[in-house]
PDB file of N, CA and C in Angstrom:
ATOM      1  N   MET A   1     -28.226 -32.599  14.331  1.00  0.00           N
ATOM      2  CA  MET A   1     -28.074 -32.643  12.885  1.00  0.00           C
ATOM      3  C   MET A   1     -27.488 -31.000  12.778  1.00  0.00           C
ATOM      4  N   THR A   2     -27.189 -30.627  11.497  1.00  0.00           N
ATOM      5  CA  THR A   2     -27.052 -29.449  11.705  1.00  0.00           C
ATOM      6  C   THR A   2     -27.772 -28.210  11.108  1.00  0.00           C
ATOM      7  N   ALA A   3     -27.751 -27.204  11.138  1.00  0.00           N
ATOM      8  CA  ALA A   3     -29.023 -26.201  10.621  1.00  0.00           C
ATOM      9  C   ALA A   3     -28.338 -25.796   9.302  1.00  0.00           C
ATOM     10  N   PRO A   4     -29.822 -25.805   8.188  1.00  0.00           N
ATOM     11  CA  PRO A   4     -29.121 -25.412   7.186  1.00  0.00           C
ATOM     12  C   PRO A   4     -28.203 -24.041   6.786  1.00  0.00           C
ATOM     13  N   VAL A   5     -27.442 -24.000   5.742  1.00  0.00           N
ATOM     14  CA  VAL A   5     -26.629 -22.563   5.511  1.00  0.00           C
ATOM     15  C   VAL A   5     -27.229 -21.979   4.804  1.00  0.00           C
ATOM     16  N   ARG A   6     -27.708 -20.749   4.803  1.00  0.00           N
ATOM     17  CA  ARG A   6     -28.234 -19.652   3.876  1.00  0.00           C
ATOM     18  C   ARG A   6     -26.850 -18.906   3.495  1.00  0.00           C
ATOM     19  N   SER A   7     -27.674 -18.910   1.992  1.00  0.00           N
ATOM     20  CA  SER A   7     -26.591 -18.385   1.308  1.00  0.00           C
ATOM     21  C   SER A   7     -26.958 -16.426   1.561  1.00  0.00           C
ATOM     22  N   PHE A   8     -25.861 -16.074   1.028  1.00  0.00           N
ATOM     23  CA  PHE A   8     -26.019 -14.322   1.296  1.00  0.00           C
ATOM     24  C   PHE A   8     -27.394 -14.203  -0.134  1.00  0.00           C
ATOM     25  N   GLN A   9     -26.961 -14.820  -1.071  1.00  0.00           N
ATOM     26  CA  GLN A   9     -27.986 -14.444  -2.114  1.00  0.00           C
ATOM     27  C   GLN A   9     -29.667 -14.450  -1.406  1.00  0.00           C
ATOM     28  N   ALA A  10     -29.781 -15.722  -1.033  1.00  0.00           N
ATOM     29  CA  ALA A  10     -30.845 -15.779  -0.234  1.00  0.00           C
ATOM     30  C   ALA A  10     -31.562 -15.058   0.696  1.00  0.00           C
ATOM     31  N   VAL A  11     -31.047 -14.209   1.328  1.00  0.00           N
ATOM     32  CA  VAL A  11     -30.452 -13.145   2.156  1.00  0.00           C
ATOM     33  C   VAL A  11     -30.924 -11.802   1.404  1.00  0.00           C
ATOM     34  N   SER A  12     -30.534 -11.813   0.634  1.00  0.00           N
ATOM     35  CA  SER A  12     -30.632 -10.154   0.061  1.00  0.00           C
ATOM     36  C   SER A  12     -31.714 -10.383  -0.985  1.00  0.00           C
ATOM     37  N   VAL A  13     -32.269 -11.513  -1.381  1.00  0.00           N
ATOM     38  CA  VAL A  13     -33.503 -11.240  -2.303  1.00  0.00           C
ATOM     39  C   VAL A  13     -34.594 -10.930  -1.211  1.00  0.00           C
ATOM     40  N   ARG A  14     -34.777 -11.761   0.031  1.00  0.00           N
ATOM     41  CA  ARG A  14     -35.756 -10.983   0.579  1.00  0.00           C
ATOM     42  C   ARG A  14     -36.035  -9.891   1.356  1.00  0.00           C
ATOM     43  N   ASN A  15     -34.634  -9.066   1.286  1.00  0.00           N
ATOM     44  CA  ASN A  15     -34.856  -7.195   1.860  1.00  0.00           C
ATOM     45  C   ASN A  15     -34.029  -6.674   0.853  1.00  0.00           C
ATOM     46  N   PRO A  16     -34.699  -6.672  -0.025  1.00  0.00           N
ATOM     47  CA  PRO A  16     -34.069  -5.579  -1.299  1.00  0.00           C
ATOM     48  C   PRO A  16     -33.154  -4.196  -0.276  1.00  0.00           C
ATOM     49  N   GLN A  17     -33.540  -3.720   0.533  1.00  0.00           N
ATOM     50  CA  GLN A  17     -33.056  -2.532   1.089  1.00  0.00           C
ATOM     51  C   GLN A  17     -31.268  -3.255   1.779  1.00  0.00           C
ATOM     52  N   ALA A  18     -31.536  -4.212   1.815  1.00  0.00           N
ATOM     53  CA  ALA A  18     -30.060  -4.787   2.476  1.00  0.00           C
ATOM     54  C   ALA A  18     -29.301  -5.207   1.191  1.00  0.00           C
ATOM     55  N   ASN A  19     -29.924  -5.425   0.365  1.00  0.00           N
ATOM     56  CA  ASN A  19     -28.895  -5.809  -0.712  1.00  0.00           C
ATOM     57  C   ASN A  19     -28.576  -4.233  -1.594  1.00  0.00           C
ATOM     58  N   ILE A  20     -29.021  -3.200  -1.607  1.00  0.00           N
ATOM     59  CA  ILE A  20     -28.768  -1.996  -2.088  1.00  0.00           C
ATOM     60  C   ILE A  20     -27.357  -1.574  -0.715  1.00  0.00           C
ATOM     61  N   ARG A  21     -27.771  -1.423   0.321  1.00  0.00           N
ATOM     62  CA  ARG A  21     -26.662  -1.618   1.289  1.00  0.00           C
ATOM     63  C   ARG A  21     -25.327  -2.083   1.009  1.00  0.00           C
ATOM     64  N   SER A  22     -25.599  -3.306   1.215  1.00  0.00           N
ATOM     65  CA  SER A  22     -24.578  -3.960   0.786  1.00  0.00           C
ATOM     66  C   SER A  22     -23.826  -3.826  -0.734  1.00  0.00           C
ATOM     67  N   LYS A  23     -24.571  -3.531  -1.206  1.00  0.00           N
ATOM     68  CA  LYS A  23     -23.703  -3.089  -2.852  1.00  0.00           C
ATOM     69  C   LYS A  23     -23.072  -1.414  -2.494  1.00  0.00           C
ATOM     70  N   GLN A  24     -23.714  -0.880  -1.817  1.00  0.00           N
ATOM     71  CA  GLN A  24     -22.892   0.666  -1.676  1.00  0.00           C
ATOM     72  C   GLN A  24     -21.505   0.320  -0.892  1.00  0.00           C
ATOM     73  N   LEU A  25     -21.795  -0.521   0.215  1.00  0.00           N
ATOM     74  CA  LEU A  25     -20.621  -0.892   1.263  1.00  0.00           C
ATOM     75  C   LEU A  25     -19.523  -1.267   0.322  1.00  0.00           C
ATOM     76  N   ALA A  26     -19.912  -2.117  -0.786  1.00  0.00           N
ATOM     77  CA  ALA A  26     -18.595  -2.907  -1.385  1.00  0.00           C
ATOM     78  C   ALA A  26     -18.468  -1.973  -2.372  1.00  0.00           C
ATOM     79  N   LYS A  27     -18.886  -0.728  -2.909  1.00  0.00           N
ATOM     80  CA  LYS A  27     -18.329   0.271  -3.600  1.00  0.00           C
ATOM     81  C   LYS A  27     -17.211   1.180  -2.678  1.00  0.00           C
ATOM     82  N   SER A  28     -18.101   1.627  -2.012  1.00  0.00           N
ATOM     83  CA  SER A  28     -16.972   2.342  -0.862  1.00  0.00           C
ATOM     84  C   SER A  28     -15.856   1.590  -0.546  1.00  0.00           C
ATOM     85  N   PHE A  29     -15.786   0.361  -0.264  1.00  0.00           N
ATOM     86  CA  PHE A  29     -14.486  -0.379  -0.005  1.00  0.00           C
ATOM     87  C   PHE A  29     -13.842  -0.367  -1.190  1.00  0.00           C
ATOM     88  N   GLN A  30     -13.958  -0.621  -2.207  1.00  0.00           N
ATOM     89  CA  GLN A  30     -13.455  -0.630  -3.570  1.00  0.00           C
ATOM     90  C   GLN A  30     -12.400   0.328  -3.649  1.00  0.00           C
ATOM     91  N   LYS A  31     -13.107   1.473  -3.536  1.00  0.00           N
ATOM     92  CA  LYS A  31     -12.691   2.983  -3.868  1.00  0.00           C
ATOM     93  C   LYS A  31     -11.473   3.112  -2.584  1.00  0.00           C
ATOM     94  N   LEU A  32     -11.794   2.649  -1.296  1.00  0.00           N
ATOM     95  CA  LEU A  32     -10.548   2.808  -0.461  1.00  0.00           C
ATOM     96  C   LEU A  32      -9.396   1.723  -0.864  1.00  0.00           C
ATOM     97  N   MET A  33      -9.808   0.587  -1.103  1.00  0.00           N
ATOM     98  CA  MET A  33      -8.933  -0.417  -1.326  1.00  0.00           C
ATOM     99  C   MET A  33      -8.007   0.171  -2.887  1.00  0.00           C
ATOM    100  N   THR A  34      -8.325   1.304  -3.863  1.00  0.00           N
ATOM    101  CA  THR A  34      -7.814   1.452  -5.047  1.00  0.00           C
ATOM    102  C   THR A  34      -6.819   2.148  -4.158  1.00  0.00           C
ATOM    103  N   ARG A  35      -7.421   3.401  -3.464  1.00  0.00           N
ATOM    104  CA  ARG A  35      -6.605   4.664  -3.274  1.00  0.00           C
ATOM    105  C   ARG A  35      -5.193   4.151  -2.255  1.00  0.00           C
ATOM    106  N   GLU A  36      -5.571   2.798  -1.289  1.00  0.00           N
ATOM    107  CA  GLU A  36      -4.490   2.723  -0.645  1.00  0.00           C
ATOM    108  C   GLU A  36      -3.346   1.666  -1.569  1.00  0.00           C
ATOM    109  N   GLU A  37      -3.924   1.064  -2.517  1.00  0.00           N
ATOM    110  CA  GLU A  37      -3.408   0.815  -3.315  1.00  0.00           C
ATOM    111  C   GLU A  37      -2.286   1.465  -4.011  1.00  0.00           C
ATOM    112  N   ALA A  38      -3.033   2.513  -4.627  1.00  0.00           N
ATOM    113  CA  ALA A  38      -2.190   3.310  -5.326  1.00  0.00           C
ATOM    114  C   ALA A  38      -0.877   4.140  -4.327  1.00  0.00           C
ATOM    115  N   GLN A  39      -1.552   4.380  -3.453  1.00  0.00           N
ATOM    116  CA  GLN A  39      -0.485   5.043  -2.273  1.00  0.00           C
ATOM    117  C   GLN A  39       0.682   4.125  -1.986  1.00  0.00           C
ATOM    118  N   ARG A  40       0.365   2.759  -2.241  1.00  0.00           N
ATOM    119  CA  ARG A  40       1.669   1.802  -1.980  1.00  0.00           C
ATOM    120  C   ARG A  40       2.106   1.727  -3.158  1.00  0.00           C
ATOM    121  N   GLU A  41       2.021   1.834  -4.304  1.00  0.00           N
ATOM    122  CA  GLU A  41       2.561   1.988  -5.413  1.00  0.00           C
ATOM    123  C   GLU A  41       3.491   3.028  -5.899  1.00  0.00           C
ATOM    124  N   TRP A  42       3.068   4.437  -5.145  1.00  0.00           N
ATOM    125  CA  TRP A  42       3.615   5.563  -5.302  1.00  0.00           C
ATOM    126  C   TRP A  42       4.921   5.182  -4.371  1.00  0.00           C
ATOM    127  N   PHE A  43       4.693   4.891  -2.985  1.00  0.00           N
ATOM    128  CA  PHE A  43       5.473   4.801  -2.204  1.00  0.00           C
ATOM    129  C   PHE A  43       7.084   3.959  -2.753  1.00  0.00           C
ATOM    130  N   ALA A  44       6.591   2.904  -3.363  1.00  0.00           N
ATOM    131  CA  ALA A  44       7.272   2.057  -4.156  1.00  0.00           C
ATOM    132  C   ALA A  44       8.306   2.539  -5.309  1.00  0.00           C
ATOM    133  N   GLY A  45       7.291   3.338  -5.819  1.00  0.00           N
ATOM    134  CA  GLY A  45       8.311   4.297  -6.943  1.00  0.00           C
ATOM    135  C   GLY A  45       9.324   5.012  -6.301  1.00  0.00           C
ATOM    136  N   LEU A  46       8.862   5.569  -5.085  1.00  0.00           N
ATOM    137  CA  LEU A  46       9.885   6.314  -4.610  1.00  0.00           C
ATOM    138  C   LEU A  46      11.113   5.998  -4.078  1.00  0.00           C
ATOM    139  N   LEU A  47      11.093   4.717  -3.699  1.00  0.00           N
ATOM    140  CA  LEU A  47      12.217   3.889  -3.297  1.00  0.00           C
ATOM    141  C   LEU A  47      12.951   3.795  -4.401  1.00  0.00           C
ATOM    142  N   TRP A  48      12.501   3.111  -6.029  1.00  0.00           N
ATOM    143  CA  TRP A  48      13.057   2.893  -6.903  1.00  0.00           C
ATOM    144  C   TRP A  48      13.987   4.219  -7.009  1.00  0.00           C
ATOM    145  N   LYS A  49      13.351   5.735  -6.874  1.00  0.00           N
ATOM    146  CA  LYS A  49      13.885   6.859  -7.228  1.00  0.00           C
ATOM    147  C   LYS A  49      15.325   7.008  -6.344  1.00  0.00           C
ATOM    148  N   ALA A  50      14.578   6.622  -5.195  1.00  0.00           N
ATOM    149  CA  ALA A  50      15.852   7.002  -4.025  1.00  0.00           C
ATOM    150  C   ALA A  50      17.138   6.171  -4.392  1.00  0.00           C
ATOM    151  N   PHE A  51      17.199   5.482  -4.948  1.00  0.00           N
ATOM    152  CA  PHE A  51      18.425   4.853  -5.318  1.00  0.00           C
ATOM    153  C   PHE A  51      18.171   4.559  -6.993  1.00  0.00           C
ATOM    154  N   PRO A  52      18.565   5.306  -7.889  1.00  0.00           N
ATOM    155  CA  PRO A  52      18.737   4.903  -9.287  1.00  0.00           C
ATOM    156  C   PRO A  52      19.820   4.132  -9.854  1.00  0.00           C
ATOM    157  N   GLU A  53      20.738   4.021  -8.798  1.00  0.00           N
ATOM    158  CA  GLU A  53      21.978   2.810  -9.237  1.00  0.00           C
ATOM    159  C   GLU A  53      21.594   1.345  -9.028  1.00  0.00           C
ATOM    160  N   ALA A  54      20.668   1.277  -7.999  1.00  0.00           N
ATOM    161  CA  ALA A  54      20.037   0.027  -8.178  1.00  0.00           C
ATOM    162  C   ALA A  54      19.612  -0.689  -9.273  1.00  0.00           C
ATOM    163  N   THR A  55      19.870  -1.968  -9.525  1.00  0.00           N
ATOM    164  CA  THR A  55      19.470  -2.471 -10.790  1.00  0.00           C
ATOM    165  C   THR A  55      18.387  -3.786 -10.541  1.00  0.00           C
ATOM    166  N   SER A  56      18.066  -4.113  -9.186  1.00  0.00           N
ATOM    167  CA  SER A  56      17.447  -5.681  -8.675  1.00  0.00           C
ATOM    168  C   SER A  56      16.339  -4.994  -7.627  1.00  0.00           C
ATOM    169  N   GLU A  57      15.534  -5.433  -7.416  1.00  0.00           N
ATOM    170  CA  GLU A  57      14.368  -5.299  -6.247  1.00  0.00           C
ATOM    171  C   GLU A  57      15.417  -5.548  -5.139  1.00  0.00           C
ATOM    172  N   ASN A  58      16.003  -6.751  -5.125  1.00  0.00           N
ATOM    173  CA  ASN A  58      16.818  -7.096  -3.819  1.00  0.00           C
ATOM    174  C   ASN A  58      17.828  -5.891  -3.532  1.00  0.00           C
ATOM    175  N   GLU A  59      18.877  -5.535  -4.480  1.00  0.00           N
ATOM    176  CA  GLU A  59      19.625  -4.357  -4.507  1.00  0.00           C
ATOM    177  C   GLU A  59      18.552  -3.105  -3.462  1.00  0.00           C
ATOM    178  N   VAL A  60      17.812  -2.883  -4.044  1.00  0.00           N
ATOM    179  CA  VAL A  60      17.042  -1.684  -3.776  1.00  0.00           C
ATOM    180  C   VAL A  60      16.512  -2.175  -1.999  1.00  0.00           C
ATOM    181  N   ALA A  61      16.078  -3.273  -1.965  1.00  0.00           N
ATOM    182  CA  ALA A  61      15.651  -3.479  -0.487  1.00  0.00           C
ATOM    183  C   ALA A  61      17.050  -3.595   0.444  1.00  0.00           C
ATOM    184  N   GLU A  62      17.993  -4.017  -0.006  1.00  0.00           N
ATOM    185  CA  GLU A  62      19.090  -4.305   0.548  1.00  0.00           C
ATOM    186  C   GLU A  62      19.743  -2.183   1.049  1.00  0.00           C
ATOM    187  N   LEU A  63      19.643  -1.402  -0.284  1.00  0.00           N
ATOM    188  CA  LEU A  63      19.839  -0.415   0.201  1.00  0.00           C
ATOM    189  C   LEU A  63      19.165   0.706   1.178  1.00  0.00           C
ATOM    190  N   VAL A  64      17.838   0.245   1.055  1.00  0.00           N
ATOM    191  CA  VAL A  64      16.988   1.461   1.917  1.00  0.00           C
ATOM    192  C   VAL A  64      16.905   0.368   3.180  1.00  0.00           C
ATOM    193  N   ALA A  65      17.139  -0.716   3.273  1.00  0.00           N
ATOM    194  CA  ALA A  65      17.272  -1.140   4.652  1.00  0.00           C
ATOM    195  C   ALA A  65      18.358  -0.627   5.747  1.00  0.00           C
ATOM    196  N   GLU A  66      19.234  -0.882   4.892  1.00  0.00           N
ATOM    197  CA  GLU A  66      20.952  -0.130   5.135  1.00  0.00           C
ATOM    198  C   GLU A  66      20.412   1.471   5.760  1.00  0.00           C
ATOM    199  N   VAL A  67      20.089   2.318   4.819  1.00  0.00           N
ATOM    200  CA  VAL A  67      19.607   3.619   5.313  1.00  0.00           C
ATOM    201  C   VAL A  67      18.754   3.753   6.092  1.00  0.00           C
ATOM    202  N   LEU A  68      17.521   3.395   6.227  1.00  0.00           N
ATOM    203  CA  LEU A  68      16.767   3.246   7.419  1.00  0.00           C
ATOM    204  C   LEU A  68      16.565   2.727   8.423  1.00  0.00           C
ATOM    205  N   THR A  69      17.668   1.702   8.762  1.00  0.00           N
ATOM    206  CA  THR A  69      18.102   1.334   9.811  1.00  0.00           C
ATOM    207  C   THR A  69      18.550   2.233  11.052  1.00  0.00           C
ATOM    208  N   THR A  70      17.797   2.061  12.309  1.00  0.00           N
ATOM    209  CA  THR A  70      18.527   3.029  13.391  1.00  0.00           C
ATOM    210  C   THR A  70      18.720   1.608  14.688  1.00  0.00           C
ATOM    211  N   GLU A  71      19.230   2.166  15.407  1.00  0.00           N
ATOM    212  CA  GLU A  71      19.658   0.926  16.611  1.00  0.00           C
ATOM    213  C   GLU A  71      18.543   0.759  17.134  1.00  0.00           C
ATOM    214  N   LYS A  72      17.293   1.420  17.553  1.00  0.00           N
ATOM    215  CA  LYS A  72      16.254   1.182  17.885  1.00  0.00           C
ATOM    216  C   LYS A  72      15.330   0.620  16.985  1.00  0.00           C
ATOM    217  N   ARG A  73      15.337   0.769  15.863  1.00  0.00           N
ATOM    218  CA  ARG A  73      14.135   0.257  14.873  1.00  0.00           C
ATOM    219  C   ARG A  73      14.990  -0.347  13.720  1.00  0.00           C
ATOM    220  N   PRO A  74      15.214  -1.379  13.830  1.00  0.00           N
ATOM    221  CA  PRO A  74      15.793  -2.070  12.640  1.00  0.00           C
ATOM    222  C   PRO A  74      14.827  -2.488  11.281  1.00  0.00           C
ATOM    223  N   VAL A  75      15.236  -2.147   9.976  1.00  0.00           N
ATOM    224  CA  VAL A  75      14.423  -2.330   8.842  1.00  0.00           C
ATOM    225  C   VAL A  75      14.875  -3.377   8.369  1.00  0.00           C
ATOM    226  N   THR A  76      14.358  -4.414   7.934  1.00  0.00           N
ATOM    227  CA  THR A  76      15.078  -5.596   7.252  1.00  0.00           C
ATOM    228  C   THR A  76      14.689  -5.447   5.586  1.00  0.00           C
ATOM    229  N   SER A  77      15.318  -6.262   5.017  1.00  0.00           N
ATOM    230  CA  SER A  77      15.224  -5.913   3.696  1.00  0.00           C
ATOM    231  C   SER A  77      14.065  -6.500   3.025  1.00  0.00           C
ATOM    232  N   ARG A  78      13.845  -7.796   3.990  1.00  0.00           N
ATOM    233  CA  ARG A  78      12.330  -8.608   3.722  1.00  0.00           C
ATOM    234  C   ARG A  78      11.153  -7.702   3.745  1.00  0.00           C
ATOM    235  N   GLY A  79      11.448  -6.450   4.728  1.00  0.00           N
ATOM    236  CA  GLY A  79       9.964  -5.696   5.017  1.00  0.00           C
ATOM    237  C   GLY A  79      10.197  -4.621   3.775  1.00  0.00           C
ATOM    238  N   VAL A  80      11.771  -4.249   3.409  1.00  0.00           N
ATOM    239  CA  VAL A  80      11.480  -3.411   2.143  1.00  0.00           C
ATOM    240  C   VAL A  80      10.623  -3.755   0.867  1.00  0.00           C
ATOM    241  N   ARG A  81      11.121  -5.217   0.459  1.00  0.00           N
ATOM    242  CA  ARG A  81      10.781  -5.816  -0.271  1.00  0.00           C
ATOM    243  C   ARG A  81       9.627  -6.204  -0.877  1.00  0.00           C
ATOM    244  N   ASN A  82       8.654  -6.085   0.624  1.00  0.00           N
ATOM    245  CA  ASN A  82       6.994  -6.030   0.932  1.00  0.00           C
ATOM    246  C   ASN A  82       6.434  -4.570   0.536  1.00  0.00           C
ATOM    247  N   TRP A  83       7.103  -3.630   0.806  1.00  0.00           N
ATOM    248  CA  TRP A  83       6.937  -2.627   0.340  1.00  0.00           C
ATOM    249  C   TRP A  83       7.313  -2.257  -1.333  1.00  0.00           C
ATOM    250  N   LEU A  84       8.211  -2.692  -1.866  1.00  0.00           N
ATOM    251  CA  LEU A  84       8.257  -2.562  -2.861  1.00  0.00           C
ATOM    252  C   LEU A  84       7.455  -3.558  -3.704  1.00  0.00           C
ATOM    253  N   ARG A  85       6.683  -4.444  -3.226  1.00  0.00           N
ATOM    254  CA  ARG A  85       5.646  -5.597  -3.917  1.00  0.00           C
ATOM    255  C   ARG A  85       4.423  -4.779  -3.489  1.00  0.00           C
ATOM    256  N   CYS A  86       4.278  -3.874  -2.775  1.00  0.00           N
ATOM    257  CA  CYS A  86       2.883  -3.409  -2.600  1.00  0.00           C
ATOM    258  C   CYS A  86       2.015  -3.843  -1.619  1.00  0.00           C
ATOM    259  N   GLU A  87       2.776  -5.108  -0.658  1.00  0.00           N
ATOM    260  CA  GLU A  87       2.009  -5.851   0.236  1.00  0.00           C
ATOM    261  C   GLU A  87       1.745  -5.507   1.284  1.00  0.00           C
ATOM    262  N   ASN A  88       2.524  -3.946   1.775  1.00  0.00           N
ATOM    263  CA  ASN A  88       2.522  -3.746   2.955  1.00  0.00           C
ATOM    264  C   ASN A  88       2.775  -2.446   2.991  1.00  0.00           C
ATOM    265  N   THR A  89       2.084  -1.532   4.000  1.00  0.00           N
ATOM    266  CA  THR A  89       2.734  -0.188   4.433  1.00  0.00           C
ATOM    267  C   THR A  89       3.530   0.217   4.951  1.00  0.00           C
ATOM    268  N   PRO A  90       3.952   0.960   4.713  1.00  0.00           N
ATOM    269  CA  PRO A  90       5.368   1.429   5.718  1.00  0.00           C
ATOM    270  C   PRO A  90       4.699   2.449   6.604  1.00  0.00           C
ATOM    271  N   HIS A  91       5.533   2.494   8.042  1.00  0.00           N
ATOM    272  CA  HIS A  91       5.020   3.229   8.785  1.00  0.00           C
ATOM    273  C   HIS A  91       5.352   5.067   7.917  1.00  0.00           C
ATOM    274  N   PHE A  92       4.819   5.670   8.817  1.00  0.00           N
ATOM    275  CA  PHE A  92       4.736   6.925   8.372  1.00  0.00           C
ATOM    276  C   PHE A  92       6.509   7.757   8.916  1.00  0.00           C
ATOM    277  N   ARG A  93       6.995   7.253   9.793  1.00  0.00           N
ATOM    278  CA  ARG A  93       8.396   7.663  10.162  1.00  0.00           C
ATOM    279  C   ARG A  93       9.534   7.431   8.913  1.00  0.00           C
ATOM    280  N   TYR A  94       8.806   6.381   7.829  1.00  0.00           N
ATOM    281  CA  TYR A  94       9.952   5.936   7.081  1.00  0.00           C
ATOM    282  C   TYR A  94       9.768   7.103   5.789  1.00  0.00           C
ATOM    283  N   PHE A  95       8.388   7.380   5.811  1.00  0.00           N
ATOM    284  CA  PHE A  95       8.048   8.225   4.576  1.00  0.00           C
ATOM    285  C   PHE A  95       8.952   9.462   4.434  1.00  0.00           C
ATOM    286  N   LEU A  96       9.057   9.717   5.188  1.00  0.00           N
ATOM    287  CA  LEU A  96       9.563  11.326   5.212  1.00  0.00           C
ATOM    288  C   LEU A  96      11.480  11.167   4.568  1.00  0.00           C
ATOM    289  N   PRO A  97      11.775  10.261   5.096  1.00  0.00           N
ATOM    290  CA  PRO A  97      13.173   9.863   5.164  1.00  0.00           C
ATOM    291  C   PRO A  97      13.905   9.435   3.404  1.00  0.00           C
ATOM    292  N   VAL A  98      12.758   8.911   2.993  1.00  0.00           N
ATOM    293  CA  VAL A  98      12.475   8.043   1.662  1.00  0.00           C
ATOM    294  C   VAL A  98      12.279   9.211   0.501  1.00  0.00           C
ATOM    295  N   LEU A  99      11.034  10.322   1.075  1.00  0.00           N
ATOM    296  CA  LEU A  99      10.417  11.278   0.106  1.00  0.00           C
ATOM    297  C   LEU A  99      12.104  12.280  -0.168  1.00  0.00           C
ATOM    298  N   ALA A 100      12.521  12.522   1.093  1.00  0.00           N
ATOM    299  CA  ALA A 100      13.990  13.404   0.943  1.00  0.00           C
ATOM    300  C   ALA A 100      14.978  12.557   0.002  1.00  0.00           C
ATOM    301  N   MET A 101      15.306  11.287   0.246  1.00  0.00           N
ATOM    302  CA  MET A 101      16.326  10.743  -0.694  1.00  0.00           C
ATOM    303  C   MET A 101      15.587  11.003  -2.267  1.00  0.00           C
ATOM    304  N   ALA A 102      14.381  10.670  -2.314  1.00  0.00           N
ATOM    305  CA  ALA A 102      13.826  10.474  -3.648  1.00  0.00           C
ATOM    306  C   ALA A 102      14.074  12.227  -4.673  1.00  0.00           C
ATOM    307  N   GLY A 103      14.042  13.138  -3.713  1.00  0.00           N
ATOM    308  CA  GLY A 103      14.401  14.375  -4.350  1.00  0.00           C
ATOM    309  C   GLY A 103      13.266  15.186  -4.411  1.00  0.00           C
ATOM    310  N   ALA A 104      13.472  16.814  -4.549  1.00  0.00           N
ATOM    311  CA  ALA A 104      12.411  17.760  -4.931  1.00  0.00           C
ATOM    312  C   ALA A 104      11.240  17.348  -5.620  1.00  0.00           C
ATOM    313  N   GLU A 105      11.571  16.623  -6.719  1.00  0.00           N
ATOM    314  CA  GLU A 105      10.835  16.504  -7.845  1.00  0.00           C
ATOM    315  C   GLU A 105       9.708  15.392  -7.617  1.00  0.00           C
ATOM    316  N   ALA A 106       9.956  14.445  -6.577  1.00  0.00           N
ATOM    317  CA  ALA A 106       8.776  13.462  -6.190  1.00  0.00           C
ATOM    318  C   ALA A 106       8.038  14.248  -4.826  1.00  0.00           C
ATOM    319  N   VAL A 107       8.588  15.407  -4.546  1.00  0.00           N
ATOM    320  CA  VAL A 107       7.731  16.278  -3.520  1.00  0.00           C
ATOM    321  C   VAL A 107       6.531  16.957  -4.362  1.00  0.00           C
ATOM    322  N   PHE A 108       6.875  17.297  -5.706  1.00  0.00           N
ATOM    323  CA  PHE A 108       6.157  18.261  -6.307  1.00  0.00           C
ATOM    324  C   PHE A 108       5.150  17.225  -6.907  1.00  0.00           C
ATOM    325  N   GLN A 109       5.659  16.476  -7.239  1.00  0.00           N
ATOM    326  CA  GLN A 109       4.850  14.969  -7.980  1.00  0.00           C
ATOM    327  C   GLN A 109       3.692  15.262  -7.179  1.00  0.00           C
ATOM    328  N   MET A 110       3.765  14.519  -5.759  1.00  0.00           N
ATOM    329  CA  MET A 110       2.788  14.497  -4.612  1.00  0.00           C
ATOM    330  C   MET A 110       1.868  15.882  -4.735  1.00  0.00           C
ATOM    331  N   ILE A 111       2.493  16.771  -4.598  1.00  0.00           N
ATOM    332  CA  ILE A 111       1.812  18.294  -4.511  1.00  0.00           C
ATOM    333  C   ILE A 111       0.618  18.168  -5.975  1.00  0.00           C
ATOM    334  N   ASP A 112       1.501  17.917  -6.765  1.00  0.00           N
ATOM    335  CA  ASP A 112       0.387  18.094  -8.249  1.00  0.00           C
ATOM    336  C   ASP A 112      -0.424  17.097  -8.738  1.00  0.00           C
ATOM    337  N   GLY A 113      -0.013  16.316  -7.804  1.00  0.00           N
ATOM    338  CA  GLY A 113      -0.874  14.773  -7.940  1.00  0.00           C
ATOM    339  C   GLY A 113      -0.371  14.038  -9.352  1.00  0.00           C
ATOM    340  N   GLU A 114       0.414  14.372  -9.936  1.00  0.00           N
ATOM    341  CA  GLU A 114       1.076  13.634 -10.923  1.00  0.00           C
ATOM    342  C   GLU A 114       1.274  12.285 -11.048  1.00  0.00           C
ATOM    343  N   GLU A 115       1.083  11.314 -12.080  1.00  0.00           N
ATOM    344  CA  GLU A 115       1.801  10.041 -11.730  1.00  0.00           C
ATOM    345  C   GLU A 115       3.116   9.908 -12.536  1.00  0.00           C
TER     346      GLU A 115
END
């Protein structure tokens, strides 16, 4: 026979302190995710600024992959599309070259915190 499964609500009702703590953790996790998502969106915007001549996501992905690929570290257009869609975070090694390609205006936006 299997043991009855307790729901999260049943456990949290019995211990109000645990309920408060879990709500605090959930709020802090939401803040962290929001900040990370904002950073991913900002980087995706940089990719578009770095190649203003591109007219589609695929074109941006191919151009970025071509520019960032080195002998030791290939960058695929699929990986760049994941960056553009904010699904993955790029390694820091790609941040500075993209920032340089996007231009000085992007640097000032980062410093000033403008969106």
